[in-house]
N, C-alpha and C. Protein backbone atom coordinates (compact mmCIF):
# COMPACT_ATOMS: atom_id res chain seq x y z
N MET A 1 -15.84 6.66 8.79
CA MET A 1 -14.73 7.55 8.49
C MET A 1 -13.42 6.81 8.76
N LEU A 2 -12.46 7.11 7.96
CA LEU A 2 -11.13 6.52 8.09
C LEU A 2 -10.42 7.14 9.28
N PRO A 3 -9.96 6.32 10.24
CA PRO A 3 -9.18 6.90 11.34
C PRO A 3 -7.92 7.56 10.79
N LYS A 4 -7.48 8.64 11.42
CA LYS A 4 -6.29 9.34 10.93
C LYS A 4 -5.08 8.42 11.00
N PRO A 5 -4.50 8.09 9.84
CA PRO A 5 -3.33 7.22 9.82
C PRO A 5 -2.10 7.95 10.36
N HIS A 6 -1.21 7.19 10.98
CA HIS A 6 0.04 7.79 11.47
C HIS A 6 1.14 7.73 10.42
N ARG A 7 0.93 6.95 9.39
CA ARG A 7 1.95 6.77 8.35
C ARG A 7 1.27 6.43 7.03
N ALA A 8 1.93 6.81 5.94
CA ALA A 8 1.43 6.46 4.61
C ALA A 8 2.61 6.02 3.76
N SER A 9 2.32 5.23 2.76
CA SER A 9 3.33 4.76 1.82
C SER A 9 2.86 5.04 0.40
N VAL A 10 3.81 5.32 -0.48
CA VAL A 10 3.52 5.42 -1.90
C VAL A 10 4.02 4.12 -2.52
N VAL A 11 3.11 3.43 -3.22
CA VAL A 11 3.43 2.11 -3.79
C VAL A 11 3.45 2.22 -5.31
N TYR A 12 4.53 1.72 -5.89
CA TYR A 12 4.68 1.65 -7.34
C TYR A 12 4.67 0.20 -7.77
N TYR A 13 4.01 -0.06 -8.90
CA TYR A 13 4.07 -1.37 -9.54
C TYR A 13 5.01 -1.23 -10.73
N VAL A 14 6.07 -2.03 -10.75
CA VAL A 14 7.11 -1.89 -11.76
C VAL A 14 7.27 -3.17 -12.57
N ALA A 15 7.76 -3.02 -13.79
CA ALA A 15 7.92 -4.16 -14.70
C ALA A 15 9.13 -5.02 -14.35
N ASP A 16 10.19 -4.42 -13.83
CA ASP A 16 11.42 -5.16 -13.57
C ASP A 16 11.98 -4.69 -12.22
N ILE A 17 11.78 -5.47 -11.18
CA ILE A 17 12.15 -5.07 -9.83
C ILE A 17 13.66 -4.91 -9.66
N LYS A 18 14.45 -5.74 -10.35
CA LYS A 18 15.91 -5.62 -10.25
C LYS A 18 16.40 -4.33 -10.89
N ARG A 19 15.82 -3.96 -12.02
CA ARG A 19 16.17 -2.70 -12.68
C ARG A 19 15.79 -1.52 -11.77
N THR A 20 14.62 -1.62 -11.14
CA THR A 20 14.17 -0.58 -10.21
C THR A 20 15.12 -0.47 -9.03
N GLU A 21 15.53 -1.60 -8.48
CA GLU A 21 16.46 -1.63 -7.35
C GLU A 21 17.77 -0.92 -7.71
N THR A 22 18.31 -1.23 -8.87
CA THR A 22 19.56 -0.62 -9.32
C THR A 22 19.40 0.89 -9.48
N PHE A 23 18.32 1.32 -10.12
CA PHE A 23 18.12 2.75 -10.35
C PHE A 23 17.99 3.52 -9.03
N TYR A 24 17.09 3.09 -8.17
CA TYR A 24 16.82 3.85 -6.95
C TYR A 24 17.98 3.77 -5.94
N ASN A 25 18.72 2.66 -5.94
CA ASN A 25 19.85 2.54 -5.03
C ASN A 25 21.12 3.16 -5.61
N ASP A 26 21.48 2.78 -6.82
CA ASP A 26 22.76 3.20 -7.39
C ASP A 26 22.73 4.59 -8.01
N VAL A 27 21.62 4.96 -8.62
CA VAL A 27 21.53 6.26 -9.28
C VAL A 27 21.04 7.34 -8.32
N LEU A 28 19.96 7.03 -7.56
CA LEU A 28 19.38 8.03 -6.66
C LEU A 28 19.88 7.92 -5.23
N GLY A 29 20.49 6.79 -4.86
CA GLY A 29 21.05 6.62 -3.53
C GLY A 29 20.03 6.53 -2.41
N LEU A 30 18.85 5.97 -2.67
CA LEU A 30 17.80 5.92 -1.66
C LEU A 30 17.97 4.80 -0.64
N GLY A 31 18.75 3.80 -0.94
CA GLY A 31 18.97 2.73 0.03
C GLY A 31 17.75 1.85 0.25
N LEU A 32 17.10 1.46 -0.83
CA LEU A 32 15.96 0.55 -0.71
C LEU A 32 16.42 -0.80 -0.19
N VAL A 33 15.55 -1.47 0.55
CA VAL A 33 15.88 -2.76 1.15
C VAL A 33 14.97 -3.83 0.56
N ARG A 34 15.56 -4.97 0.21
CA ARG A 34 14.76 -6.11 -0.27
C ARG A 34 13.94 -6.68 0.87
N GLN A 35 12.67 -6.98 0.56
CA GLN A 35 11.75 -7.57 1.54
C GLN A 35 11.21 -8.88 0.97
N GLU A 36 10.92 -9.81 1.83
CA GLU A 36 10.31 -11.08 1.42
C GLU A 36 8.79 -10.97 1.57
N GLY A 37 8.06 -11.88 0.93
CA GLY A 37 6.62 -11.91 1.07
C GLY A 37 5.89 -11.69 -0.25
N ALA A 38 6.63 -11.42 -1.30
CA ALA A 38 6.07 -11.33 -2.65
C ALA A 38 7.15 -11.88 -3.58
N GLU A 39 6.73 -12.43 -4.70
CA GLU A 39 7.70 -12.99 -5.63
C GLU A 39 8.02 -11.99 -6.72
N PRO A 40 9.30 -11.76 -7.07
CA PRO A 40 10.45 -12.42 -6.48
C PRO A 40 10.82 -11.82 -5.12
N PHE A 41 10.63 -10.56 -4.90
CA PHE A 41 10.84 -9.86 -3.63
C PHE A 41 10.24 -8.48 -3.84
N TRP A 42 10.13 -7.69 -2.81
CA TRP A 42 9.69 -6.31 -2.98
C TRP A 42 10.68 -5.40 -2.30
N LEU A 43 10.62 -4.12 -2.60
CA LEU A 43 11.58 -3.15 -2.09
C LEU A 43 10.86 -2.11 -1.25
N SER A 44 11.54 -1.65 -0.20
CA SER A 44 10.98 -0.56 0.59
C SER A 44 12.11 0.35 1.06
N GLY A 45 11.74 1.60 1.29
CA GLY A 45 12.67 2.58 1.82
C GLY A 45 11.90 3.75 2.37
N SER A 46 12.51 4.47 3.30
CA SER A 46 11.86 5.63 3.91
C SER A 46 12.65 6.89 3.63
N LEU A 47 11.93 7.96 3.42
CA LEU A 47 12.54 9.27 3.27
C LEU A 47 12.62 9.91 4.65
N ASP A 48 13.41 10.95 4.79
CA ASP A 48 13.64 11.58 6.09
C ASP A 48 12.37 12.02 6.81
N GLN A 49 11.36 12.44 6.10
CA GLN A 49 10.14 12.94 6.73
C GLN A 49 9.14 11.83 7.03
N GLY A 50 9.55 10.57 6.89
CA GLY A 50 8.70 9.46 7.28
C GLY A 50 7.84 8.86 6.20
N LEU A 51 7.93 9.37 4.98
CA LEU A 51 7.16 8.79 3.90
C LEU A 51 7.88 7.54 3.41
N GLU A 52 7.16 6.44 3.32
CA GLU A 52 7.74 5.20 2.85
C GLU A 52 7.41 5.02 1.38
N ILE A 53 8.39 4.53 0.60
CA ILE A 53 8.12 4.17 -0.79
C ILE A 53 8.34 2.67 -0.92
N ILE A 54 7.45 2.04 -1.69
CA ILE A 54 7.44 0.59 -1.84
C ILE A 54 7.32 0.27 -3.32
N PHE A 55 8.02 -0.78 -3.74
CA PHE A 55 7.97 -1.23 -5.13
C PHE A 55 7.66 -2.72 -5.18
N PHE A 56 6.66 -3.08 -5.99
CA PHE A 56 6.32 -4.48 -6.26
C PHE A 56 6.47 -4.71 -7.75
N GLU A 57 6.94 -5.90 -8.13
CA GLU A 57 7.00 -6.25 -9.55
C GLU A 57 5.65 -6.83 -9.94
N MET A 58 4.91 -6.06 -10.70
CA MET A 58 3.62 -6.51 -11.23
C MET A 58 3.14 -5.49 -12.26
N GLU A 59 2.15 -5.88 -13.05
CA GLU A 59 1.64 -4.97 -14.06
C GLU A 59 1.00 -3.76 -13.40
N GLY A 60 1.37 -2.61 -13.88
CA GLY A 60 0.77 -1.38 -13.39
C GLY A 60 0.22 -0.58 -14.55
N LYS A 61 -0.92 0.04 -14.34
CA LYS A 61 -1.54 0.86 -15.37
C LYS A 61 -1.66 2.28 -14.84
N ARG A 62 -1.65 3.21 -15.75
CA ARG A 62 -1.85 4.60 -15.37
C ARG A 62 -3.16 4.71 -14.58
N GLY A 63 -3.09 5.36 -13.45
CA GLY A 63 -4.28 5.52 -12.61
C GLY A 63 -4.28 4.59 -11.41
N ASN A 64 -3.55 3.46 -11.49
CA ASN A 64 -3.50 2.58 -10.31
C ASN A 64 -2.11 2.49 -9.72
N THR A 65 -1.16 3.22 -10.29
CA THR A 65 0.16 3.30 -9.72
C THR A 65 0.77 4.65 -10.09
N PRO A 66 1.41 5.36 -9.20
CA PRO A 66 1.58 4.96 -7.82
C PRO A 66 0.26 5.09 -7.06
N ALA A 67 0.20 4.40 -5.95
CA ALA A 67 -0.97 4.43 -5.09
C ALA A 67 -0.53 4.88 -3.70
N LEU A 68 -1.36 5.66 -3.05
CA LEU A 68 -1.11 6.08 -1.68
C LEU A 68 -1.78 5.08 -0.75
N ILE A 69 -1.00 4.46 0.13
CA ILE A 69 -1.50 3.43 1.03
C ILE A 69 -1.44 3.95 2.46
N PHE A 70 -2.58 3.92 3.15
CA PHE A 70 -2.65 4.37 4.53
C PHE A 70 -2.47 3.19 5.47
N ASP A 71 -1.59 3.33 6.44
CA ASP A 71 -1.33 2.31 7.45
C ASP A 71 -2.37 2.48 8.56
N ILE A 72 -3.19 1.47 8.76
CA ILE A 72 -4.27 1.52 9.74
C ILE A 72 -3.80 0.96 11.07
N THR A 73 -3.90 1.76 12.12
CA THR A 73 -3.53 1.29 13.46
C THR A 73 -4.71 1.31 14.41
N GLU A 74 -5.79 2.00 14.04
CA GLU A 74 -6.99 2.06 14.86
C GLU A 74 -8.16 1.51 14.04
N GLY A 75 -9.06 0.79 14.71
CA GLY A 75 -10.19 0.21 14.00
C GLY A 75 -9.77 -1.04 13.28
N GLY A 76 -10.73 -1.75 12.74
CA GLY A 76 -10.45 -2.95 11.98
C GLY A 76 -10.62 -2.68 10.50
N ILE A 77 -9.76 -3.22 9.69
CA ILE A 77 -9.79 -2.95 8.25
C ILE A 77 -11.12 -3.37 7.63
N ASP A 78 -11.71 -4.48 8.08
CA ASP A 78 -13.00 -4.90 7.54
C ASP A 78 -14.07 -3.86 7.83
N ASP A 79 -14.08 -3.31 9.05
CA ASP A 79 -15.06 -2.30 9.43
C ASP A 79 -14.88 -1.02 8.61
N ILE A 80 -13.64 -0.63 8.40
CA ILE A 80 -13.35 0.60 7.67
C ILE A 80 -13.77 0.46 6.21
N VAL A 81 -13.47 -0.67 5.59
CA VAL A 81 -13.85 -0.89 4.19
C VAL A 81 -15.37 -0.91 4.06
N ALA A 82 -16.06 -1.53 5.00
CA ALA A 82 -17.52 -1.55 4.97
C ALA A 82 -18.08 -0.13 5.08
N ALA A 83 -17.51 0.70 5.95
CA ALA A 83 -17.97 2.08 6.11
C ALA A 83 -17.71 2.89 4.84
N LEU A 84 -16.56 2.68 4.20
CA LEU A 84 -16.27 3.38 2.95
C LEU A 84 -17.28 2.99 1.87
N SER A 85 -17.57 1.70 1.78
CA SER A 85 -18.54 1.21 0.81
C SER A 85 -19.93 1.81 1.05
N GLU A 86 -20.33 1.90 2.30
CA GLU A 86 -21.63 2.50 2.65
C GLU A 86 -21.70 3.96 2.24
N LYS A 87 -20.56 4.63 2.15
CA LYS A 87 -20.51 6.04 1.75
C LYS A 87 -20.40 6.19 0.23
N GLY A 88 -20.49 5.07 -0.49
CA GLY A 88 -20.46 5.12 -1.94
C GLY A 88 -19.08 5.06 -2.56
N VAL A 89 -18.05 4.79 -1.77
CA VAL A 89 -16.69 4.69 -2.29
C VAL A 89 -16.56 3.39 -3.10
N THR A 90 -15.91 3.48 -4.25
CA THR A 90 -15.68 2.30 -5.09
C THR A 90 -14.54 1.47 -4.48
N ILE A 91 -14.87 0.25 -4.07
CA ILE A 91 -13.87 -0.68 -3.54
C ILE A 91 -13.35 -1.49 -4.72
N VAL A 92 -12.07 -1.38 -4.99
CA VAL A 92 -11.46 -2.08 -6.12
C VAL A 92 -11.06 -3.50 -5.72
N THR A 93 -10.42 -3.61 -4.57
CA THR A 93 -9.99 -4.91 -4.05
C THR A 93 -10.48 -5.01 -2.61
N PRO A 94 -11.36 -5.97 -2.32
CA PRO A 94 -11.81 -6.13 -0.93
C PRO A 94 -10.63 -6.57 -0.06
N VAL A 95 -10.85 -6.63 1.22
CA VAL A 95 -9.78 -7.00 2.14
C VAL A 95 -9.22 -8.37 1.75
N GLU A 96 -7.91 -8.42 1.63
CA GLU A 96 -7.23 -9.67 1.28
C GLU A 96 -5.87 -9.70 1.97
N GLU A 97 -5.31 -10.89 2.03
CA GLU A 97 -4.01 -11.06 2.66
C GLU A 97 -2.95 -10.31 1.87
N ALA A 98 -2.03 -9.68 2.59
CA ALA A 98 -0.93 -8.94 1.99
C ALA A 98 0.33 -9.23 2.81
N PRO A 99 1.52 -8.92 2.29
CA PRO A 99 2.74 -9.16 3.08
C PRO A 99 2.64 -8.51 4.46
N GLY A 100 2.68 -9.33 5.50
CA GLY A 100 2.67 -8.83 6.87
C GLY A 100 1.32 -8.41 7.41
N GLY A 101 0.26 -8.62 6.65
CA GLY A 101 -1.05 -8.20 7.15
C GLY A 101 -2.16 -8.33 6.14
N TRP A 102 -2.99 -7.29 6.09
CA TRP A 102 -4.20 -7.27 5.25
C TRP A 102 -4.22 -5.96 4.48
N SER A 103 -4.81 -5.99 3.29
CA SER A 103 -4.91 -4.77 2.51
C SER A 103 -6.25 -4.71 1.78
N ALA A 104 -6.60 -3.52 1.34
CA ALA A 104 -7.78 -3.30 0.50
C ALA A 104 -7.49 -2.05 -0.33
N ASP A 105 -8.08 -1.99 -1.51
CA ASP A 105 -7.87 -0.86 -2.41
C ASP A 105 -9.20 -0.24 -2.78
N PHE A 106 -9.18 1.08 -2.94
CA PHE A 106 -10.38 1.81 -3.33
C PHE A 106 -9.99 3.01 -4.17
N LEU A 107 -10.99 3.71 -4.71
CA LEU A 107 -10.73 4.86 -5.58
C LEU A 107 -11.22 6.15 -4.95
N ASP A 108 -10.48 7.22 -5.24
CA ASP A 108 -10.99 8.54 -4.84
C ASP A 108 -11.95 9.00 -5.93
N PRO A 109 -12.59 10.16 -5.79
CA PRO A 109 -13.58 10.59 -6.79
C PRO A 109 -13.03 10.77 -8.20
N ASP A 110 -11.72 10.99 -8.34
CA ASP A 110 -11.11 11.14 -9.66
C ASP A 110 -10.55 9.84 -10.22
N GLY A 111 -10.74 8.74 -9.51
CA GLY A 111 -10.26 7.45 -9.99
C GLY A 111 -8.84 7.11 -9.60
N PHE A 112 -8.22 7.89 -8.71
CA PHE A 112 -6.88 7.57 -8.26
C PHE A 112 -6.94 6.46 -7.22
N GLY A 113 -5.99 5.55 -7.30
CA GLY A 113 -5.94 4.43 -6.38
C GLY A 113 -5.46 4.82 -5.00
N LEU A 114 -6.20 4.40 -4.00
CA LEU A 114 -5.83 4.54 -2.60
C LEU A 114 -5.95 3.18 -1.96
N GLY A 115 -5.26 2.98 -0.86
CA GLY A 115 -5.32 1.68 -0.22
C GLY A 115 -5.17 1.77 1.28
N LEU A 116 -5.49 0.68 1.90
CA LEU A 116 -5.33 0.52 3.34
C LEU A 116 -4.46 -0.69 3.59
N TRP A 117 -3.65 -0.63 4.62
CA TRP A 117 -2.87 -1.78 5.05
C TRP A 117 -2.94 -1.85 6.56
N GLN A 118 -3.15 -3.06 7.07
CA GLN A 118 -3.22 -3.27 8.51
C GLN A 118 -2.36 -4.47 8.87
N ALA A 119 -1.55 -4.33 9.91
CA ALA A 119 -0.68 -5.42 10.36
C ALA A 119 -1.50 -6.63 10.78
N GLU A 120 -0.91 -7.80 10.57
CA GLU A 120 -1.62 -9.05 10.85
C GLU A 120 -1.89 -9.27 12.33
N ASP A 121 -1.21 -8.56 13.22
CA ASP A 121 -1.44 -8.76 14.65
C ASP A 121 -2.60 -7.93 15.19
N LYS A 122 -3.23 -7.13 14.34
CA LYS A 122 -4.39 -6.32 14.74
C LYS A 122 -5.68 -7.04 14.29
N PRO A 123 -6.78 -6.86 15.04
CA PRO A 123 -8.03 -7.50 14.63
C PRO A 123 -8.59 -6.87 13.37
N ARG A 124 -9.09 -7.69 12.48
CA ARG A 124 -9.68 -7.19 11.23
C ARG A 124 -10.99 -6.48 11.47
N SER A 125 -11.69 -6.83 12.54
CA SER A 125 -12.97 -6.20 12.87
C SER A 125 -13.05 -5.99 14.37
N LEU A 126 -13.65 -4.87 14.77
CA LEU A 126 -13.86 -4.60 16.20
C LEU A 126 -15.31 -4.85 16.58
N LYS A 127 -16.12 -5.31 15.65
CA LYS A 127 -17.54 -5.59 15.92
C LYS A 127 -17.74 -6.99 16.41
């Protein structure tokens, strides 16, 4: 079972990150911040209730963006992904390096993309 996350992010894959930055900052006033760790850069911002929105420049298809990403603070991401797989969950992307840590992607029963992210300073496995 997935430990209850303390935070979640909605991740969008966009065609033009600079256009996205202009729209969300200048038109909507969200105050997104440029982050390093992906080319050319990625954007992040938080809403008042603690929901984080993230934008990466990459190809996105209907059904895999936006994706809800759970921030894992308990357990190891490798152990959690293995447990999900044992329960028959479709793993789309196994654990791999991500900006600032590790990530994995999977599908809910309707095919919507979900993901996990764990900071690099946490152990990937507790076994």
